[in-house]
Structures are given as C-alpha cells and as structure tokens.
Amino acid sequence: MLFTQDGRNFMERALALLQDDLKLVEEQFKKDLASDVVLIRKVGEYVLASGGKRIRPMLLLLCARLAGYQGDYRIGLASVVEFIHTATLLHDDVVDSAVLRRGSASANSVWGNEASVLVGDFLFAKTFSIMVRGGSMEVLRALSDATTMMAEGEVLQLISTCDLDMDEDRYMKVVRTKTAVLIAAACECGGILGEVTEAQCQALHEFGMDLGIAFQFMDDALDYVADESEFGKAKGHDLEEGKMTLPLIHTLRQCTAEERQKVAEIVEEEELSDDNLNYVIDLIDRYQGIDYTRRRAQDLVEQAQGHLKDFPDGPVKAALFELAEYVVSRRK
C-alpha cells in the first residue's frame, strides 16, 4: 500500500469522494457487457475484474466534478474509457504473447488469441455505441481521436522493436500515442461535460497527457525492478519483447560500445535467459536508468499539477493532486 508522508493512502481522498460513483460505474460495466454471446460476457468480466485500479474512470469523474458537472452521463462515460482501455489490454496481450495480466492468467492464455481479439473488438464497438447514444459530438471527437492515435502508437512501437537507435524523442511519441492519449482524453471529457472554457478544457487535456506519460515511465521502471507477485507480470518482460523503454534508452545513451553490442545481441535472442536479464538490469543500475526514469516521471507529475492552477482549490483538486502523486509512488 502507498502512503503520503503523514501516513494516508495516496488514493484515499479520491476513493472517498468517488465511492458511490465507482459503484455505479461497476454496475454500468455489467450492463454494457450484456450480450447473447456468453463468451463475450465471461471474457469481459474476467478482464474487468482482474485488479485494475480504474485510474481512467477516476480521472474522468474527478475532472467532471472539477468542471462542475454532476449529470448522469459521467457514469456511462467513465465505463466507456475503461472499456477502451480493456480492449487495448486484450489486444496487447495477444501481440505480446503474454501469459500474465495483473498477476493472473491473461485472457488469451485462458480462452485463446481469437477470443481475446474478438472480445476486444466488441468492447471497442460497444464504446462507440454508448458515446453516440450520449449525444455529445465533442466527447465522440475526443475519444475517437484518442482511439485512432492509440492504434498508431501500437504500430509505432511494433516497428521500433529491437531498435537500439530509438531515442527519447521518438519514444515519447510512442508513449503519448499508446498510453497517455486516453488518459488525456478522459480528463478532457470531464471538462467537456462541465462545459468549461476551451482554455480550461485544454488544461485538463495537458494535465492528463503529462500524467499519462509519467504513468508509462513508472511502468518502464517497474518492469526492471518490481517483484512479479506485486507487479503482475514477469520482470524483464519488455526486454524479452524487444521493447525499447526509457531506462534502457537512457542506459544505451551512456554505456560503452562493447556494452551496447552485448545488449544488441541479447534483444535479438529468441528467449531471455536469467543471466542476460541480470546483465541488462545491472547495466541499467550502473548508468542510473531507473533513477533517471523516476525523475522524469516526477517532473511530469509536477508539470501536470501546474496545469490545474486556474481551477479552484478544494477537495476535488486535492484528490487529483494526490492521484497524480500516486502515479510516481506506486509499486504495481
């Protein structure tokens, strides 16, 4: 569990504010998964119940409150952003041949790749059906643009596999499009619901974008240092998949030509041995790749909080600040 300096859980304030809303969102999940095809409901419920922290729905709900919105559409829209996220997880695990997701067997390892892809497709289609019924073209624009960019980010990451020339700027583009853009859109949608000014809506979008990049950076760091029992996937999974993430990008920028050549040989191998994983972890530690990544994440969180300066202080804004701090303090 994660705590602030005075001992309170980092997410305590947000969870207290959103307790009733989050119960309604969970009920909405069940309604939105309704289908005559039993497998769709089984796979969808399995993934949605597998320990997700609901960061995206929480951010949307908090940003809607910050913008002064209390209407019912916030619940359906919070369900939508989690459905989009869940659909990408189903597809990601197939692409990555993952066997674990949040510490449990991944859906593709239980039901197969075909079922995972098709249920992911169902979730994507369902989200657009819900958004169209909601009647907001601005919400539809924000989330459809985000979904398109996420697909581009996945392809960009795919073509960058095992590319040791991947620099930080190109990697930032992957992170923005693959991960951060949905978090940014969730925050922006809260502003759209509250009908805030264009400048305020953009501020919420930028808050979510910086927070989303920081979230991915912490994922990058945890992949090399977290215990599998806490993080929910095997240590070094990104390396095994040939993914160039920030700790390794920073290390390759600092290391010797001989060390770089050794890493090139490791990422090209079919299977990642414990010895090779430990070599890369030691190398990243030597060149402070994890510390660098965490510092970059912390800087982004502080930058994100700055985007909310023109919104009124109060418990909602404080909850958003604490949720941002959670991102860089989490261990899973």
Protein backbone atom coordinates (compact mmCIF):
# COMPACT_ATOMS: atom_id res chain seq x y z
CA MET A 1 0.00 0.00 0.00
CA LEU A 2 1.22 3.51 -0.79
CA PHE A 3 1.24 6.34 1.73
CA THR A 4 1.82 10.07 1.93
CA GLN A 5 4.24 11.47 4.50
CA ASP A 6 1.53 11.77 7.14
CA GLY A 7 0.55 8.12 6.63
CA ARG A 8 -2.57 8.44 4.47
CA ASN A 9 -3.12 6.29 1.45
CA PHE A 10 -2.32 8.32 -1.70
CA MET A 11 -5.70 7.39 -3.22
CA GLU A 12 -7.72 7.82 -0.03
CA ARG A 13 -9.15 11.24 -0.89
CA ALA A 14 -10.14 10.27 -4.44
CA LEU A 15 -11.70 6.98 -3.33
CA ALA A 16 -13.66 8.71 -0.56
CA LEU A 17 -15.03 11.31 -2.99
CA LEU A 18 -15.87 8.77 -5.68
CA GLN A 19 -17.07 5.80 -3.64
CA ASP A 20 -20.68 5.99 -4.78
CA ASP A 21 -19.79 6.89 -8.37
CA LEU A 22 -17.38 3.98 -8.69
CA LYS A 23 -20.06 1.54 -7.51
CA LEU A 24 -22.34 2.89 -10.24
CA VAL A 25 -19.53 2.51 -12.79
CA GLU A 26 -19.04 -1.14 -11.82
CA GLU A 27 -22.78 -1.71 -12.26
CA GLN A 28 -22.57 0.03 -15.64
CA PHE A 29 -19.83 -2.39 -16.71
CA LYS A 30 -22.21 -5.31 -16.22
CA LYS A 31 -24.98 -3.59 -18.18
CA ASP A 32 -22.65 -2.68 -21.05
CA LEU A 33 -21.32 -6.24 -21.26
CA ALA A 34 -24.80 -7.64 -21.85
CA SER A 35 -24.78 -9.95 -24.86
CA ASP A 36 -26.49 -13.11 -26.03
CA VAL A 37 -23.00 -14.50 -26.64
CA VAL A 38 -21.96 -15.84 -23.23
CA LEU A 39 -18.23 -15.85 -24.04
CA ILE A 40 -18.24 -12.08 -24.51
CA ARG A 41 -19.58 -11.54 -21.02
CA LYS A 42 -17.22 -14.12 -19.49
CA VAL A 43 -14.06 -12.70 -21.05
CA GLY A 44 -15.10 -9.09 -20.46
CA GLU A 45 -15.99 -9.66 -16.81
CA TYR A 46 -12.77 -11.63 -16.28
CA VAL A 47 -10.55 -8.82 -17.54
CA LEU A 48 -12.52 -6.03 -15.86
CA ALA A 49 -12.41 -7.88 -12.52
CA SER A 50 -8.69 -8.66 -12.66
CA GLY A 51 -7.46 -5.93 -10.35
CA GLY A 52 -7.45 -2.76 -12.46
CA LYS A 53 -7.12 0.44 -10.46
CA ARG A 54 -9.75 2.34 -12.51
CA ILE A 55 -7.39 5.30 -12.87
CA ARG A 56 -9.02 6.47 -16.11
CA PRO A 57 -12.62 6.42 -14.82
CA MET A 58 -11.47 8.10 -11.60
CA LEU A 59 -9.75 10.88 -13.52
CA LEU A 60 -12.78 11.45 -15.73
CA LEU A 61 -15.11 11.58 -12.72
CA LEU A 62 -12.83 13.94 -10.78
CA CYS A 63 -12.29 16.24 -13.77
CA ALA A 64 -16.05 16.35 -14.35
CA ARG A 65 -16.52 17.40 -10.72
CA LEU A 66 -13.75 19.97 -11.00
CA ALA A 67 -15.62 21.35 -14.02
CA GLY A 68 -18.87 21.48 -12.03
CA TYR A 69 -20.69 18.60 -13.76
CA GLN A 70 -22.95 16.27 -11.77
CA GLY A 71 -25.14 14.75 -14.51
CA ASP A 72 -25.67 11.02 -15.05
CA TYR A 73 -23.66 10.82 -18.30
CA ARG A 74 -20.43 10.85 -16.28
CA ILE A 75 -21.09 7.23 -15.21
CA GLY A 76 -21.56 5.88 -18.72
CA LEU A 77 -18.55 7.81 -19.96
CA ALA A 78 -16.39 6.50 -17.13
CA SER A 79 -17.40 3.00 -18.22
CA VAL A 80 -16.51 3.87 -21.81
CA VAL A 81 -12.93 4.89 -21.06
CA GLU A 82 -12.34 1.71 -19.05
CA PHE A 83 -13.82 -0.38 -21.89
CA ILE A 84 -11.44 1.26 -24.37
CA HIS A 85 -8.52 0.58 -22.04
CA THR A 86 -9.63 -3.03 -21.51
CA ALA A 87 -9.96 -3.62 -25.24
CA THR A 88 -6.38 -2.45 -25.76
CA LEU A 89 -5.17 -4.78 -22.99
CA LEU A 90 -6.85 -7.75 -24.69
CA HIS A 91 -5.17 -6.88 -27.99
CA ASP A 92 -1.81 -6.05 -26.36
CA ASP A 93 -1.61 -9.42 -24.64
CA VAL A 94 -2.13 -11.20 -27.94
CA VAL A 95 0.55 -9.11 -29.66
CA ASP A 96 2.96 -9.66 -26.75
CA SER A 97 2.08 -13.36 -26.28
CA ALA A 98 1.53 -12.50 -22.61
CA VAL A 99 0.59 -15.21 -20.13
CA LEU A 100 0.04 -12.92 -17.12
CA ARG A 101 -2.05 -9.80 -16.65
CA ARG A 102 -2.08 -8.15 -13.20
CA GLY A 103 -0.82 -11.34 -11.59
CA SER A 104 -3.47 -13.62 -13.10
CA ALA A 105 -3.58 -15.66 -16.27
CA SER A 106 -4.16 -13.35 -19.24
CA ALA A 107 -7.41 -13.75 -21.16
CA ASN A 108 -5.61 -15.03 -24.26
CA SER A 109 -3.91 -17.77 -22.23
CA VAL A 110 -7.32 -18.85 -20.84
CA TRP A 111 -9.59 -18.52 -23.90
CA GLY A 112 -7.11 -18.20 -26.77
CA ASN A 113 -5.97 -15.38 -29.04
CA GLU A 114 -9.04 -15.47 -31.26
CA ALA A 115 -11.48 -14.92 -28.40
CA SER A 116 -9.34 -12.14 -26.90
CA VAL A 117 -9.12 -10.21 -30.17
CA LEU A 118 -12.82 -10.57 -30.92
CA VAL A 119 -13.98 -9.59 -27.44
CA GLY A 120 -11.62 -6.61 -27.65
CA ASP A 121 -13.35 -5.69 -30.92
CA PHE A 122 -16.74 -5.99 -29.20
CA LEU A 123 -15.64 -3.62 -26.43
CA PHE A 124 -14.40 -1.05 -28.95
CA ALA A 125 -17.68 -1.25 -30.88
CA LYS A 126 -19.71 -1.00 -27.69
CA THR A 127 -17.94 2.17 -26.60
CA PHE A 128 -18.90 3.96 -29.80
CA SER A 129 -22.50 2.81 -29.46
CA ILE A 130 -22.62 4.26 -25.93
CA MET A 131 -20.99 7.53 -26.99
CA VAL A 132 -23.38 8.03 -29.90
CA ARG A 133 -26.36 7.50 -27.59
CA GLY A 134 -24.87 10.10 -25.23
CA GLY A 135 -25.25 12.71 -27.95
CA SER A 136 -22.07 14.75 -27.40
CA MET A 137 -20.10 15.25 -30.58
CA GLU A 138 -17.21 16.78 -28.60
CA VAL A 139 -16.93 13.67 -26.42
CA LEU A 140 -17.14 11.46 -29.51
CA ARG A 141 -14.41 13.51 -31.19
CA ALA A 142 -12.09 13.39 -28.18
CA LEU A 143 -12.38 9.64 -27.61
CA SER A 144 -12.44 8.59 -31.27
CA ASP A 145 -9.30 10.68 -31.93
CA ALA A 146 -7.66 9.09 -28.89
CA THR A 147 -8.55 5.58 -30.05
CA THR A 148 -7.11 6.25 -33.50
CA MET A 149 -3.88 7.58 -32.02
CA MET A 150 -3.61 4.57 -29.71
CA ALA A 151 -3.66 2.24 -32.70
CA GLU A 152 -0.96 4.35 -34.35
CA GLY A 153 1.10 4.16 -31.16
CA GLU A 154 0.85 0.37 -31.08
CA VAL A 155 2.10 0.15 -34.67
CA LEU A 156 4.88 2.65 -33.97
CA GLN A 157 6.02 0.56 -31.02
CA LEU A 158 5.86 -2.60 -33.14
CA ILE A 159 8.12 -1.22 -35.87
CA SER A 160 10.54 0.04 -33.21
CA THR A 161 11.04 -3.43 -31.71
CA CYS A 162 14.72 -4.23 -31.04
CA ASP A 163 15.75 -0.84 -32.45
CA LEU A 164 18.68 0.28 -30.29
CA ASP A 165 18.74 3.60 -32.15
CA MET A 166 15.38 4.53 -30.59
CA ASP A 167 15.94 7.92 -28.97
CA GLU A 168 13.96 9.61 -26.21
CA ASP A 169 12.03 11.92 -28.55
CA ARG A 170 10.79 9.02 -30.69
CA TYR A 171 9.96 7.02 -27.58
CA MET A 172 7.98 9.96 -26.19
CA LYS A 173 5.85 9.83 -29.33
CA VAL A 174 5.14 6.15 -28.70
CA VAL A 175 4.18 6.83 -25.08
CA ARG A 176 1.99 9.81 -25.94
CA THR A 177 0.01 7.91 -28.55
CA LYS A 178 -0.05 4.44 -27.00
CA THR A 179 -0.75 5.26 -23.34
CA ALA A 180 -1.09 8.92 -22.45
CA VAL A 181 -3.62 9.98 -25.07
CA LEU A 182 -6.51 8.02 -23.49
CA ILE A 183 -5.76 9.43 -20.04
CA ALA A 184 -5.64 12.92 -21.58
CA ALA A 185 -8.96 12.33 -23.34
CA ALA A 186 -10.58 11.06 -20.13
CA CYS A 187 -9.58 14.26 -18.33
CA GLU A 188 -10.66 16.41 -21.28
CA CYS A 189 -14.06 14.72 -21.38
CA GLY A 190 -14.64 15.76 -17.77
CA GLY A 191 -14.17 19.36 -18.89
CA ILE A 192 -16.43 18.86 -21.92
CA LEU A 193 -19.21 17.56 -19.66
CA GLY A 194 -18.83 20.61 -17.40
CA GLU A 195 -18.82 22.96 -20.40
CA VAL A 196 -15.70 24.78 -19.20
CA THR A 197 -13.82 27.23 -21.40
CA GLU A 198 -11.67 26.00 -24.27
CA ALA A 199 -8.55 27.00 -22.33
CA GLN A 200 -9.66 25.05 -19.27
CA CYS A 201 -10.50 22.03 -21.41
CA GLN A 202 -7.02 22.17 -22.92
CA ALA A 203 -5.51 22.46 -19.43
CA LEU A 204 -7.31 19.27 -18.36
CA HIS A 205 -6.10 17.54 -21.52
CA GLU A 206 -2.49 18.58 -20.83
CA PHE A 207 -2.83 17.50 -17.19
CA GLY A 208 -3.87 14.04 -18.38
CA MET A 209 -1.19 13.89 -21.06
CA ASP A 210 1.67 14.64 -18.65
CA LEU A 211 0.20 12.28 -16.08
CA GLY A 212 -0.19 9.53 -18.68
CA ILE A 213 3.44 9.83 -19.79
CA ALA A 214 4.57 9.70 -16.15
CA PHE A 215 2.41 6.60 -15.63
CA GLN A 216 4.10 4.83 -18.54
CA PHE A 217 7.55 5.87 -17.37
CA MET A 218 6.85 4.28 -13.99
CA ASP A 219 5.68 1.12 -15.79
CA ASP A 220 9.01 1.16 -17.64
CA ALA A 221 10.94 1.34 -14.37
CA LEU A 222 8.83 -1.27 -12.58
CA ASP A 223 9.35 -3.76 -15.39
CA TYR A 224 13.00 -3.98 -14.35
CA VAL A 225 12.71 -3.74 -10.56
CA ALA A 226 9.30 -4.91 -9.31
CA ASP A 227 8.56 -8.36 -7.96
CA GLU A 228 6.29 -10.42 -10.21
CA SER A 229 3.94 -11.02 -7.26
CA GLU A 230 3.43 -7.25 -6.90
CA PHE A 231 3.66 -6.02 -10.49
CA GLY A 232 1.61 -8.83 -12.03
CA LYS A 233 3.99 -9.77 -14.83
CA ALA A 234 7.46 -11.27 -15.11
CA LYS A 235 10.45 -8.99 -14.56
CA GLY A 236 12.12 -8.02 -17.84
CA HIS A 237 9.03 -8.70 -19.97
CA ASP A 238 9.59 -5.52 -22.00
CA LEU A 239 13.19 -6.55 -22.71
CA GLU A 240 12.11 -10.03 -23.75
CA GLU A 241 9.66 -8.46 -26.19
CA GLY A 242 12.41 -6.24 -27.61
CA LYS A 243 10.71 -3.06 -26.38
CA MET A 244 12.98 -0.07 -26.03
CA THR A 245 11.76 1.74 -22.91
CA LEU A 246 13.17 4.75 -21.08
CA PRO A 247 15.54 3.03 -18.58
CA LEU A 248 17.23 1.15 -21.41
CA ILE A 249 17.20 4.12 -23.81
CA HIS A 250 18.96 6.23 -21.18
CA THR A 251 21.46 3.43 -20.47
CA LEU A 252 22.31 2.90 -24.13
CA ARG A 253 22.97 6.63 -24.41
CA GLN A 254 25.58 6.37 -21.63
CA CYS A 255 27.21 2.95 -21.98
CA THR A 256 30.31 1.81 -23.91
CA ALA A 257 30.26 0.44 -27.46
CA GLU A 258 31.02 -3.05 -26.13
CA GLU A 259 28.15 -2.91 -23.65
CA ARG A 260 25.80 -1.66 -26.35
CA GLN A 261 26.80 -4.54 -28.63
CA LYS A 262 26.11 -7.02 -25.83
CA VAL A 263 22.62 -5.57 -25.33
CA ALA A 264 22.02 -5.78 -29.11
CA GLU A 265 22.84 -9.48 -29.02
CA ILE A 266 20.56 -10.05 -26.02
CA VAL A 267 17.47 -8.38 -27.50
CA GLU A 268 17.82 -10.39 -30.71
CA GLU A 269 17.75 -13.75 -28.88
CA GLU A 270 14.61 -15.89 -29.03
CA GLU A 271 14.45 -16.34 -25.25
CA LEU A 272 15.74 -14.10 -22.48
CA SER A 273 17.93 -16.05 -20.05
CA ASP A 274 18.24 -15.09 -16.39
CA ASP A 275 21.93 -14.31 -16.91
CA ASN A 276 21.21 -11.93 -19.77
CA LEU A 277 18.34 -10.28 -17.90
CA ASN A 278 20.60 -9.74 -14.90
CA TYR A 279 23.31 -8.31 -17.17
CA VAL A 280 20.90 -5.69 -18.54
CA ILE A 281 19.47 -4.92 -15.08
CA ASP A 282 23.00 -4.42 -13.71
CA LEU A 283 23.87 -2.21 -16.68
CA ILE A 284 20.75 -0.08 -16.17
CA ASP A 285 21.60 0.20 -12.48
CA ARG A 286 25.19 1.21 -13.26
CA TYR A 287 24.06 4.04 -15.52
CA GLN A 288 21.14 5.02 -13.23
CA GLY A 289 18.45 4.29 -15.80
CA ILE A 290 15.78 3.65 -13.17
CA ASP A 291 16.61 6.81 -11.21
CA TYR A 292 16.56 8.85 -14.41
CA THR A 293 13.17 7.42 -15.38
CA ARG A 294 11.67 8.13 -11.98
CA ARG A 295 13.00 11.69 -12.01
CA ARG A 296 11.46 12.28 -15.42
CA ALA A 297 8.13 10.89 -14.13
CA GLN A 298 8.23 13.14 -11.05
CA ASP A 299 8.97 16.20 -13.19
CA LEU A 300 6.00 15.37 -15.39
CA VAL A 301 3.68 14.98 -12.40
CA GLU A 302 4.71 18.41 -11.10
CA GLN A 303 4.16 19.83 -14.59
CA ALA A 304 0.74 18.15 -14.72
CA GLN A 305 -0.30 19.67 -11.40
CA GLY A 306 0.68 23.09 -12.72
CA HIS A 307 -1.93 22.80 -15.48
CA LEU A 308 -4.69 22.95 -12.83
CA LYS A 309 -3.59 26.30 -11.38
CA ASP A 310 -6.63 28.17 -12.74
CA PHE A 311 -9.14 25.74 -11.25
CA PRO A 312 -10.48 26.44 -7.75
CA ASP A 313 -8.77 24.85 -4.77
CA GLY A 314 -10.77 22.32 -2.81
CA PRO A 315 -11.16 18.61 -2.11
CA VAL A 316 -11.57 17.64 -5.79
CA LYS A 317 -8.41 19.41 -6.91
CA ALA A 318 -6.57 17.99 -3.89
CA ALA A 319 -7.73 14.50 -4.86
CA LEU A 320 -6.40 15.00 -8.40
CA PHE A 321 -3.06 16.13 -6.98
CA GLU A 322 -2.86 13.07 -4.74
CA LEU A 323 -3.84 10.77 -7.58
CA ALA A 324 -1.00 12.29 -9.60
CA GLU A 325 1.44 11.59 -6.74
CA TYR A 326 0.21 8.01 -6.62
CA VAL A 327 1.37 7.53 -10.21
CA VAL A 328 5.03 8.09 -9.31
CA SER A 329 4.89 6.28 -5.97
CA ARG A 330 3.19 3.05 -6.97
CA ARG A 331 4.85 -0.35 -6.88
CA LYS A 332 2.49 -2.13 -9.30
